[in-house]
N, C-alpha and C. Protein backbone atom coordinates (compact mmCIF):
# COMPACT_ATOMS: atom_id res chain seq x y z
N MET A 1 78.38 -126.19 108.02
CA MET A 1 76.90 -125.71 108.23
C MET A 1 77.73 -123.90 107.28
N LEU A 2 76.94 -123.86 106.59
CA LEU A 2 77.49 -122.29 105.51
C LEU A 2 77.01 -120.96 106.03
N ILE A 3 77.65 -120.60 106.25
CA ILE A 3 77.88 -119.04 107.28
C ILE A 3 78.05 -118.09 106.58
N ARG A 4 77.22 -117.00 105.75
CA ARG A 4 77.51 -115.73 105.05
C ARG A 4 77.06 -114.36 105.31
N THR A 5 78.44 -113.69 104.76
CA THR A 5 78.70 -111.81 105.60
C THR A 5 78.89 -111.45 104.63
N ILE A 6 78.06 -110.20 104.58
CA ILE A 6 78.50 -109.05 103.85
C ILE A 6 78.96 -108.04 104.65
N PHE A 7 80.63 -107.49 104.18
CA PHE A 7 81.15 -106.60 105.04
C PHE A 7 80.61 -105.37 103.58
N SER A 8 80.50 -103.97 104.66
CA SER A 8 79.97 -102.82 103.71
C SER A 8 80.24 -101.64 104.13
N GLY A 9 80.92 -100.87 103.32
CA GLY A 9 80.63 -99.23 104.04
C GLY A 9 81.85 -98.12 102.99
N PHE A 10 81.97 -96.91 103.56
CA PHE A 10 83.58 -96.01 102.45
C PHE A 10 84.31 -96.95 101.93
N GLY A 11 85.08 -96.85 100.91
CA GLY A 11 86.37 -96.87 100.96
C GLY A 11 87.42 -96.16 102.12
N GLY A 12 88.71 -97.26 102.98
CA GLY A 12 89.04 -96.61 103.64
C GLY A 12 88.68 -96.49 104.97
N GLN A 13 87.29 -97.04 105.19
CA GLN A 13 86.56 -97.19 106.32
C GLN A 13 87.48 -98.90 107.35
N GLY A 14 87.74 -99.68 106.14
CA GLY A 14 88.96 -100.87 106.51
C GLY A 14 87.58 -102.42 106.50
N VAL A 15 86.81 -101.82 105.31
CA VAL A 15 85.61 -103.14 104.94
C VAL A 15 86.43 -104.67 104.60
N LEU A 16 87.12 -104.08 103.71
CA LEU A 16 87.51 -105.64 102.78
C LEU A 16 88.79 -106.08 104.00
N SER A 17 89.24 -105.10 104.64
CA SER A 17 89.83 -105.71 106.21
C SER A 17 89.17 -106.55 106.84
N MET A 18 88.03 -106.12 107.29
CA MET A 18 87.57 -107.27 108.30
C MET A 18 87.31 -108.26 107.47
N GLY A 19 86.74 -108.37 106.43
CA GLY A 19 86.58 -109.67 105.33
C GLY A 19 87.38 -110.17 105.61
N TYR A 20 88.55 -109.85 104.96
CA TYR A 20 89.81 -110.31 105.21
C TYR A 20 90.78 -111.00 106.00
N THR A 21 90.19 -110.54 107.37
CA THR A 21 90.74 -110.82 108.74
C THR A 21 89.81 -112.51 108.91
N LEU A 22 88.30 -111.56 108.77
CA LEU A 22 87.64 -113.33 109.04
C LEU A 22 88.00 -114.01 108.61
N ALA A 23 87.69 -114.34 106.83
CA ALA A 23 88.09 -115.29 106.05
C ALA A 23 90.01 -115.98 106.81
N THR A 24 90.91 -115.44 106.54
CA THR A 24 91.80 -115.68 106.90
C THR A 24 92.08 -116.34 108.10
N THR A 25 91.23 -115.86 109.50
CA THR A 25 91.30 -116.52 110.56
C THR A 25 90.57 -117.88 110.71
N ALA A 26 88.97 -118.08 109.80
CA ALA A 26 88.80 -119.05 109.37
C ALA A 26 89.57 -119.94 108.74
N MET A 27 90.07 -119.89 107.80
CA MET A 27 91.02 -120.71 107.02
C MET A 27 92.13 -121.21 108.11
N LEU A 28 93.37 -120.72 108.68
CA LEU A 28 93.72 -120.67 109.90
C LEU A 28 93.17 -121.74 110.77
N GLU A 29 91.56 -121.72 110.69
CA GLU A 29 91.45 -122.98 111.85
C GLU A 29 90.63 -124.15 110.89
N GLY A 30 90.76 -124.19 110.04
CA GLY A 30 91.15 -125.32 109.27
C GLY A 30 89.34 -125.78 108.15
N LYS A 31 88.60 -124.65 108.48
CA LYS A 31 87.49 -124.34 107.74
C LYS A 31 87.50 -123.71 106.32
N HIS A 32 86.67 -124.05 105.72
CA HIS A 32 86.39 -124.10 104.30
C HIS A 32 85.98 -122.39 103.96
N VAL A 33 86.63 -121.40 103.34
CA VAL A 33 86.34 -119.89 103.21
C VAL A 33 86.28 -119.40 101.51
N THR A 34 85.51 -118.79 101.36
CA THR A 34 85.83 -117.59 99.76
C THR A 34 85.26 -116.15 100.59
N TYR A 35 86.07 -115.83 100.20
CA TYR A 35 86.46 -113.72 100.04
C TYR A 35 86.44 -113.53 98.57
N PHE A 36 85.26 -112.66 98.74
CA PHE A 36 85.21 -111.86 97.65
C PHE A 36 84.13 -110.45 97.78
N PRO A 37 85.66 -109.31 97.49
CA PRO A 37 85.99 -108.56 97.65
C PRO A 37 85.30 -107.72 96.41
N SER A 38 84.41 -106.51 96.80
CA SER A 38 83.98 -105.52 95.35
C SER A 38 84.59 -103.99 95.95
N TYR A 39 85.10 -103.47 94.73
CA TYR A 39 85.80 -102.34 94.92
C TYR A 39 85.16 -100.89 95.14
N GLY A 40 84.09 -101.28 93.83
CA GLY A 40 83.33 -100.06 93.24
C GLY A 40 84.33 -98.70 93.13
N VAL A 41 84.14 -98.03 93.10
CA VAL A 41 85.37 -96.73 93.06
C VAL A 41 86.12 -96.68 93.74
N GLU A 42 87.51 -97.17 93.72
CA GLU A 42 88.89 -97.54 94.17
C GLU A 42 89.13 -96.42 95.49
N VAL A 43 89.12 -95.44 95.41
CA VAL A 43 89.22 -94.01 95.83
C VAL A 43 88.48 -93.78 97.57
N ARG A 44 89.57 -93.08 98.45
CA ARG A 44 88.49 -93.52 99.79
C ARG A 44 87.71 -92.58 100.11
N GLY A 45 86.80 -93.04 100.20
CA GLY A 45 85.24 -92.48 100.23
C GLY A 45 84.38 -93.24 99.00
N GLY A 46 84.80 -93.50 98.25
CA GLY A 46 83.97 -95.04 97.62
C GLY A 46 83.30 -95.83 98.41
N THR A 47 82.53 -96.36 97.86
CA THR A 47 81.92 -97.64 98.28
C THR A 47 82.83 -98.89 97.99
N ALA A 48 82.67 -99.78 98.96
CA ALA A 48 83.90 -101.17 99.11
C ALA A 48 82.28 -102.13 99.53
N ASN A 49 82.54 -103.39 98.91
CA ASN A 49 81.78 -104.23 100.22
C ASN A 49 82.97 -106.13 100.13
N CYS A 50 82.23 -106.83 100.62
CA CYS A 50 82.98 -108.06 99.94
C CYS A 50 82.50 -109.14 100.83
N THR A 51 82.26 -110.20 100.06
CA THR A 51 81.12 -111.21 101.00
C THR A 51 82.03 -112.73 101.39
N VAL A 52 82.50 -112.90 102.68
CA VAL A 52 82.77 -113.69 103.19
C VAL A 52 82.07 -115.29 103.29
N ALA A 53 82.20 -116.16 102.71
CA ALA A 53 81.19 -117.50 103.19
C ALA A 53 82.64 -118.58 103.88
N VAL A 54 81.79 -119.03 105.26
CA VAL A 54 82.36 -119.72 105.92
C VAL A 54 82.09 -121.01 106.02
N SER A 55 82.64 -122.30 105.67
CA SER A 55 81.38 -123.60 105.95
C SER A 55 82.16 -124.65 106.54
N ASP A 56 82.21 -125.74 107.31
CA ASP A 56 82.67 -126.95 107.12
C ASP A 56 82.81 -127.77 106.30
N GLU A 57 81.95 -127.86 105.63
CA GLU A 57 82.10 -128.51 103.93
C GLU A 57 82.60 -127.34 102.55
N GLU A 58 83.23 -128.21 101.58
CA GLU A 58 83.04 -127.81 100.39
C GLU A 58 82.25 -126.13 100.08
N ILE A 59 82.68 -125.12 99.69
CA ILE A 59 81.55 -124.11 99.26
C ILE A 59 81.38 -124.00 97.98
N ALA A 60 79.83 -123.86 97.27
CA ALA A 60 79.82 -124.12 95.94
C ALA A 60 80.03 -123.01 95.48
N SER A 61 79.44 -121.76 95.84
CA SER A 61 79.80 -120.72 95.03
C SER A 61 79.52 -119.60 96.70
N PRO A 62 80.60 -118.22 95.85
CA PRO A 62 81.13 -117.46 96.91
C PRO A 62 79.54 -115.94 96.96
N VAL A 63 78.84 -116.27 95.99
CA VAL A 63 77.86 -115.47 96.09
C VAL A 63 76.67 -115.71 97.48
N ALA A 64 76.23 -114.60 98.02
CA ALA A 64 75.49 -114.69 99.22
C ALA A 64 74.60 -113.75 98.42
N SER A 65 73.71 -114.41 98.12
CA SER A 65 72.22 -113.61 98.06
C SER A 65 71.19 -113.21 99.00
N GLU A 66 71.52 -113.97 100.03
CA GLU A 66 70.44 -114.22 101.38
C GLU A 66 71.90 -114.66 102.68
N PRO A 67 72.49 -113.53 102.85
CA PRO A 67 73.39 -113.71 104.11
C PRO A 67 72.80 -113.61 105.41
N GLU A 68 73.27 -114.79 106.00
CA GLU A 68 73.02 -114.34 107.63
C GLU A 68 73.27 -113.49 108.08
N PHE A 69 74.59 -112.76 107.57
CA PHE A 69 75.16 -111.46 108.47
C PHE A 69 75.18 -110.73 107.56
N VAL A 70 74.95 -109.28 107.48
CA VAL A 70 75.72 -108.09 107.77
C VAL A 70 76.31 -106.91 108.56
N VAL A 71 77.04 -106.25 107.90
CA VAL A 71 78.22 -105.58 108.88
C VAL A 71 78.09 -104.11 108.10
N ALA A 72 77.33 -103.29 108.18
CA ALA A 72 76.86 -101.56 107.44
C ALA A 72 77.64 -100.77 108.37
N MET A 73 78.71 -100.24 107.86
CA MET A 73 79.88 -98.83 108.37
C MET A 73 79.29 -98.05 107.86
N ASN A 74 78.20 -97.74 106.90
CA ASN A 74 77.67 -96.28 106.67
C ASN A 74 76.41 -96.22 106.17
N GLN A 75 75.56 -95.64 106.46
CA GLN A 75 74.04 -94.75 106.02
C GLN A 75 73.87 -95.76 104.23
N PRO A 76 74.56 -95.44 103.11
CA PRO A 76 74.38 -96.47 102.00
C PRO A 76 74.43 -97.70 102.08
N SER A 77 75.26 -98.34 102.62
CA SER A 77 75.60 -99.68 103.02
C SER A 77 74.58 -99.96 103.85
N PHE A 78 73.80 -99.82 105.01
CA PHE A 78 72.63 -100.52 105.30
C PHE A 78 71.25 -99.92 104.58
N ALA A 79 71.52 -98.95 104.13
CA ALA A 79 70.27 -99.33 103.19
C ALA A 79 70.04 -99.76 101.77
N ARG A 80 71.64 -100.23 101.50
CA ARG A 80 71.95 -101.68 100.52
C ARG A 80 71.37 -102.43 100.56
N PHE A 81 71.94 -103.26 101.80
CA PHE A 81 71.93 -104.79 102.09
C PHE A 81 71.34 -105.41 103.00
N GLN A 82 70.62 -104.51 103.74
CA GLN A 82 69.38 -104.90 104.66
C GLN A 82 68.79 -105.72 103.87
N SER A 83 68.35 -105.40 102.74
CA SER A 83 67.09 -105.72 101.52
C SER A 83 67.66 -107.09 101.02
N LEU A 84 69.06 -107.80 101.18
CA LEU A 84 69.46 -108.79 100.97
C LEU A 84 69.69 -109.68 101.85
N LEU A 85 69.27 -109.15 103.54
CA LEU A 85 69.63 -110.40 104.85
C LEU A 85 68.39 -111.26 104.40
N GLN A 86 68.78 -112.27 104.78
CA GLN A 86 67.68 -112.98 105.25
C GLN A 86 66.94 -112.92 106.22
N SER A 87 65.76 -113.60 106.50
CA SER A 87 64.29 -113.09 107.56
C SER A 87 65.18 -113.77 108.29
N GLY A 88 65.55 -112.83 109.78
CA GLY A 88 65.74 -113.48 111.09
C GLY A 88 67.37 -113.57 111.17
N GLY A 89 67.98 -112.46 110.09
CA GLY A 89 69.71 -112.31 110.31
C GLY A 89 69.59 -111.70 111.13
N LEU A 90 71.19 -111.27 111.28
CA LEU A 90 71.97 -109.76 111.70
C LEU A 90 72.19 -108.69 110.97
N ILE A 91 71.65 -107.58 111.40
CA ILE A 91 73.13 -106.65 110.58
C ILE A 91 72.87 -105.57 111.66
N PHE A 92 75.18 -105.69 111.91
CA PHE A 92 75.63 -105.08 112.80
C PHE A 92 76.20 -103.50 111.86
N VAL A 93 75.26 -102.28 112.63
CA VAL A 93 75.64 -101.33 111.84
C VAL A 93 76.64 -100.38 112.69
N ASN A 94 77.29 -99.11 112.37
CA ASN A 94 77.89 -98.53 112.94
C ASN A 94 77.17 -97.40 113.65
N SER A 95 76.77 -97.16 114.81
CA SER A 95 75.92 -96.71 115.01
C SER A 95 76.01 -94.66 115.24
N SER A 96 77.72 -94.84 115.13
CA SER A 96 78.02 -93.54 115.16
C SER A 96 77.41 -92.95 114.01
N ILE A 97 77.39 -93.47 112.72
CA ILE A 97 77.15 -92.49 111.72
C ILE A 97 75.61 -92.97 110.75
N VAL A 98 75.31 -94.25 111.56
CA VAL A 98 73.88 -94.94 110.41
C VAL A 98 72.92 -94.80 111.17
N ASP A 99 71.79 -94.31 110.75
CA ASP A 99 70.41 -94.31 111.37
C ASP A 99 69.68 -95.35 110.94
N VAL A 100 69.18 -96.15 111.75
CA VAL A 100 68.84 -97.50 111.75
C VAL A 100 67.30 -96.86 111.89
N SER A 101 66.07 -95.93 111.79
CA SER A 101 64.83 -95.46 111.82
C SER A 101 64.24 -96.80 110.75
N SER A 102 64.91 -96.81 109.64
CA SER A 102 64.21 -97.79 108.70
C SER A 102 64.70 -98.66 107.92
N THR A 103 64.47 -99.82 109.34
CA THR A 103 64.82 -100.80 109.29
C THR A 103 63.38 -102.21 108.92
N ARG A 104 63.90 -103.19 108.89
CA ARG A 104 63.07 -104.09 108.04
C ARG A 104 62.54 -104.44 109.77
N GLY A 105 61.37 -105.14 109.79
CA GLY A 105 60.83 -105.69 110.99
C GLY A 105 61.45 -107.22 111.45
N ASP A 106 61.67 -108.05 110.15
CA ASP A 106 62.00 -109.53 110.46
C ASP A 106 63.46 -109.31 110.63
N ILE A 107 64.59 -108.62 111.14
CA ILE A 107 65.65 -108.39 111.03
C ILE A 107 66.39 -107.90 112.21
N GLU A 108 67.02 -108.14 112.78
CA GLU A 108 67.71 -107.53 114.16
C GLU A 108 68.89 -106.39 113.79
N VAL A 109 68.73 -105.66 114.41
CA VAL A 109 69.79 -104.54 114.15
C VAL A 109 71.15 -104.48 115.40
N VAL A 110 71.98 -104.78 115.22
CA VAL A 110 72.83 -104.89 116.27
C VAL A 110 74.00 -103.20 116.18
N ALA A 111 73.36 -102.07 117.18
CA ALA A 111 74.01 -101.14 117.04
C ALA A 111 75.41 -101.12 117.72
N VAL A 112 76.21 -100.55 117.11
CA VAL A 112 77.87 -100.69 117.81
C VAL A 112 78.59 -98.82 117.68
N PRO A 113 78.53 -98.18 118.58
CA PRO A 113 79.00 -96.34 117.94
C PRO A 113 80.71 -97.19 117.81
N THR A 114 80.72 -97.90 116.54
CA THR A 114 82.69 -98.42 116.71
C THR A 114 83.45 -96.63 116.46
N SER A 115 82.97 -95.69 115.81
CA SER A 115 83.51 -94.73 115.75
C SER A 115 84.10 -93.96 117.13
N GLU A 116 83.15 -93.73 118.01
CA GLU A 116 83.20 -93.06 119.25
C GLU A 116 84.23 -94.55 119.82
N LEU A 117 84.18 -95.79 120.04
CA LEU A 117 84.87 -96.88 120.93
C LEU A 117 86.31 -96.60 120.24
N ALA A 118 86.49 -96.27 118.85
CA ALA A 118 87.77 -96.38 117.98
C ALA A 118 88.66 -95.11 118.71
N GLU A 119 87.46 -94.26 118.85
CA GLU A 119 88.50 -92.91 119.26
C GLU A 119 88.81 -92.58 120.71
N LYS A 120 88.45 -93.78 121.56
CA LYS A 120 88.66 -94.17 123.09
C LYS A 120 90.46 -94.50 122.84
N LEU A 121 90.49 -95.36 121.92
CA LEU A 121 91.62 -96.18 121.52
C LEU A 121 93.11 -94.69 120.82
N GLY A 122 92.42 -93.92 120.45
CA GLY A 122 92.90 -92.97 119.72
C GLY A 122 93.04 -92.56 118.78
N THR A 123 92.63 -93.30 118.15
CA THR A 123 92.50 -93.16 116.00
C THR A 123 91.06 -94.18 115.65
N ILE A 124 90.30 -93.09 115.25
CA ILE A 124 89.09 -93.94 114.15
C ILE A 124 89.71 -95.10 113.01
N LYS A 125 90.74 -94.95 112.77
CA LYS A 125 91.19 -96.16 111.93
C LYS A 125 90.72 -97.54 112.14
N VAL A 126 90.70 -97.66 113.59
CA VAL A 126 90.50 -99.05 114.24
C VAL A 126 89.32 -99.40 114.36
N ALA A 127 88.27 -98.90 113.85
CA ALA A 127 86.76 -98.85 114.28
C ALA A 127 86.29 -100.04 113.27
N ASN A 128 86.90 -99.93 112.35
CA ASN A 128 86.53 -101.52 111.65
C ASN A 128 87.13 -103.21 112.61
N MET A 129 87.96 -102.51 113.01
CA MET A 129 88.29 -104.20 114.42
C MET A 129 87.66 -103.95 115.43
N VAL A 130 87.14 -102.52 115.92
CA VAL A 130 86.21 -102.44 117.10
C VAL A 130 84.58 -103.24 116.70
N MET A 131 84.11 -102.92 115.30
CA MET A 131 83.45 -103.98 114.78
C MET A 131 83.36 -105.52 114.89
N LEU A 132 84.58 -105.91 114.37
CA LEU A 132 84.62 -106.76 113.79
C LEU A 132 85.05 -107.60 114.89
N GLY A 133 85.34 -107.21 116.09
CA GLY A 133 84.99 -107.61 117.48
C GLY A 133 84.01 -107.92 117.96
N ALA A 134 83.01 -106.99 117.69
CA ALA A 134 81.60 -107.67 118.40
C ALA A 134 80.99 -108.27 117.70
N PHE A 135 81.43 -108.39 116.03
CA PHE A 135 80.47 -109.57 115.16
C PHE A 135 80.84 -110.74 115.92
N ILE A 136 82.32 -110.76 115.69
CA ILE A 136 82.50 -111.93 116.26
C ILE A 136 82.23 -112.49 117.50
N ARG A 137 81.62 -112.05 118.85
CA ARG A 137 81.03 -112.24 119.65
C ARG A 137 79.52 -112.89 119.83
N LEU A 138 78.98 -112.17 118.36
CA LEU A 138 77.44 -112.60 118.55
C LEU A 138 77.87 -113.47 117.30
N SER A 139 78.63 -113.67 116.05
CA SER A 139 77.96 -114.32 115.12
C SER A 139 78.91 -116.11 115.12
N ASN A 140 80.23 -115.84 116.34
CA ASN A 140 80.63 -117.30 116.80
C ASN A 140 81.02 -118.19 115.51
N ILE A 141 81.51 -117.34 114.47
CA ILE A 141 81.89 -117.96 113.39
C ILE A 141 83.60 -118.90 113.03
N ILE A 142 83.90 -117.74 114.00
CA ILE A 142 85.25 -118.00 114.81
C ILE A 142 85.63 -118.39 115.94
N SER A 143 86.68 -118.88 116.45
CA SER A 143 87.45 -118.60 118.15
C SER A 143 87.94 -117.40 117.91
N PHE A 144 87.46 -116.45 118.76
CA PHE A 144 88.10 -114.89 118.89
C PHE A 144 89.55 -115.09 119.71
N ASP A 145 89.48 -116.02 120.60
CA ASP A 145 90.89 -116.24 120.98
C ASP A 145 92.16 -116.80 120.40
N PHE A 146 91.55 -117.80 119.07
CA PHE A 146 92.38 -118.38 118.25
C PHE A 146 93.20 -116.87 117.17
N MET A 147 92.19 -116.06 116.75
CA MET A 147 92.04 -114.74 116.17
C MET A 147 93.10 -113.77 116.77
N THR A 148 92.94 -114.12 118.31
CA THR A 148 93.85 -112.33 118.73
C THR A 148 94.92 -113.20 118.45
N THR A 149 95.23 -114.52 119.14
CA THR A 149 96.47 -114.79 119.77
C THR A 149 97.28 -115.09 118.40
N ASN A 150 96.92 -115.38 117.13
CA ASN A 150 98.05 -115.42 115.72
C ASN A 150 97.31 -113.98 115.60
N LEU A 151 97.45 -112.92 115.53
CA LEU A 151 97.12 -111.61 115.26
C LEU A 151 98.02 -111.47 113.89
N SER A 152 99.66 -111.74 114.59
CA SER A 152 100.23 -111.30 113.56
C SER A 152 100.76 -112.24 112.41
N GLN A 153 100.45 -113.51 112.26
CA GLN A 153 100.03 -114.51 110.94
C GLN A 153 98.82 -113.74 110.23
N ILE A 154 97.65 -113.34 111.20
CA ILE A 154 96.49 -113.23 109.97
C ILE A 154 96.39 -111.81 109.06
N LEU A 155 97.32 -110.69 110.24
CA LEU A 155 97.41 -109.60 109.97
C LEU A 155 98.59 -109.73 108.60
N GLY A 156 99.47 -110.16 108.64
CA GLY A 156 101.01 -110.51 108.06
C GLY A 156 101.92 -109.47 108.95
N GLU A 157 103.26 -109.77 108.73
CA GLU A 157 104.18 -109.25 109.33
C GLU A 157 104.67 -107.94 108.58
N GLY A 158 103.70 -107.13 107.42
CA GLY A 158 104.20 -106.14 107.51
C GLY A 158 103.27 -105.02 108.34
N LYS A 159 102.29 -105.86 109.31
CA LYS A 159 101.46 -104.59 109.94
C LYS A 159 101.70 -105.30 111.39
N SER A 160 103.20 -105.72 111.88
CA SER A 160 103.52 -105.93 112.93
C SER A 160 103.39 -104.88 114.39
N LYS A 161 103.56 -103.72 113.30
CA LYS A 161 103.69 -102.30 114.62
C LYS A 161 102.54 -101.86 114.79
N LEU A 162 101.01 -102.65 114.14
CA LEU A 162 99.35 -102.33 114.41
C LEU A 162 98.87 -103.49 114.95
N ILE A 163 99.58 -104.28 115.59
CA ILE A 163 99.32 -105.58 116.01
C ILE A 163 98.31 -105.44 117.16
N LYS A 164 99.15 -104.69 118.52
CA LYS A 164 98.67 -104.31 119.25
C LYS A 164 97.30 -103.51 119.68
N MET A 165 97.79 -102.22 118.68
CA MET A 165 96.20 -101.52 118.62
C MET A 165 95.05 -102.04 118.08
N ASN A 166 95.18 -103.24 117.19
CA ASN A 166 94.12 -103.88 116.28
C ASN A 166 93.75 -104.77 117.69
N LYS A 167 94.19 -105.71 118.55
CA LYS A 167 93.91 -106.23 119.07
C LYS A 167 93.28 -105.46 120.29
N ASP A 168 93.76 -104.31 121.09
CA ASP A 168 92.81 -103.69 122.16
C ASP A 168 91.61 -103.43 121.61
N ALA A 169 91.39 -103.16 119.74
CA ALA A 169 90.30 -102.66 118.93
C ALA A 169 89.38 -103.75 119.46
N LEU A 170 89.54 -105.06 118.46
CA LEU A 170 88.94 -106.27 118.61
C LEU A 170 88.79 -106.69 120.19
N GLU A 171 89.47 -106.51 121.45
CA GLU A 171 88.74 -106.55 122.53
C GLU A 171 87.79 -105.76 122.79
N LEU A 172 87.75 -104.39 122.23
CA LEU A 172 86.92 -103.08 122.52
C LEU A 172 85.63 -103.87 122.07
N GLY A 173 85.31 -104.67 120.60
CA GLY A 173 84.30 -104.39 120.56
C GLY A 173 83.58 -105.62 120.70
N PHE A 174 84.65 -106.67 120.94
CA PHE A 174 84.11 -108.03 122.19
C PHE A 174 83.30 -108.08 122.56
N ASN A 175 83.57 -107.02 123.75
CA ASN A 175 83.64 -106.85 125.33
C ASN A 175 82.45 -105.77 125.40
N TYR A 176 82.32 -105.06 124.48
CA TYR A 176 81.05 -104.26 124.41
C TYR A 176 79.58 -104.39 124.23
N ILE A 177 79.89 -105.76 123.65
CA ILE A 177 78.87 -106.74 123.11
C ILE A 177 78.57 -107.25 124.82
N LYS A 178 76.89 -107.58 125.35
CA LYS A 178 77.28 -108.48 126.38
C LYS A 178 76.65 -109.93 125.68
N GLU A 179 76.76 -110.95 126.67
CA GLU A 179 76.84 -112.07 126.30
C GLU A 179 75.28 -111.95 126.43
């Protein structure tokens, strides 16, 4: 089954890292994956997004014209990408900064106050991982336990000092969502 997700937000919010982490985990689990980043203006504060497709079978195209999931970390991304989401899809929003009052009626909004939750860990820089934890809880695209167990391999040796903080953020987001 092919599952497509668009991750979007300002540059510096870790949007591309969310997509890369999901894609790498799925690949290590033996799934077929495409990861397609789009940088826009490549400076902090510019827009960034990426598309991740995960499947049990070979993937023909990395394009996600009607994704099952969208993650919007800011207002412009919410406005832009909710229109692409397929009917019945889920849009995950950083409710700390995104107003969802103008949402399509045929999609479901998952509001996660990622900025506030990340601040509980001492830094807003892990808001992306809080969101990724929440996303994994509801999407079931990858195994949360597999990801957290293999986080040092997924993020790479260069991020070894950040493993515990990222794992804590993932768990915070995962546990924020009720079963």
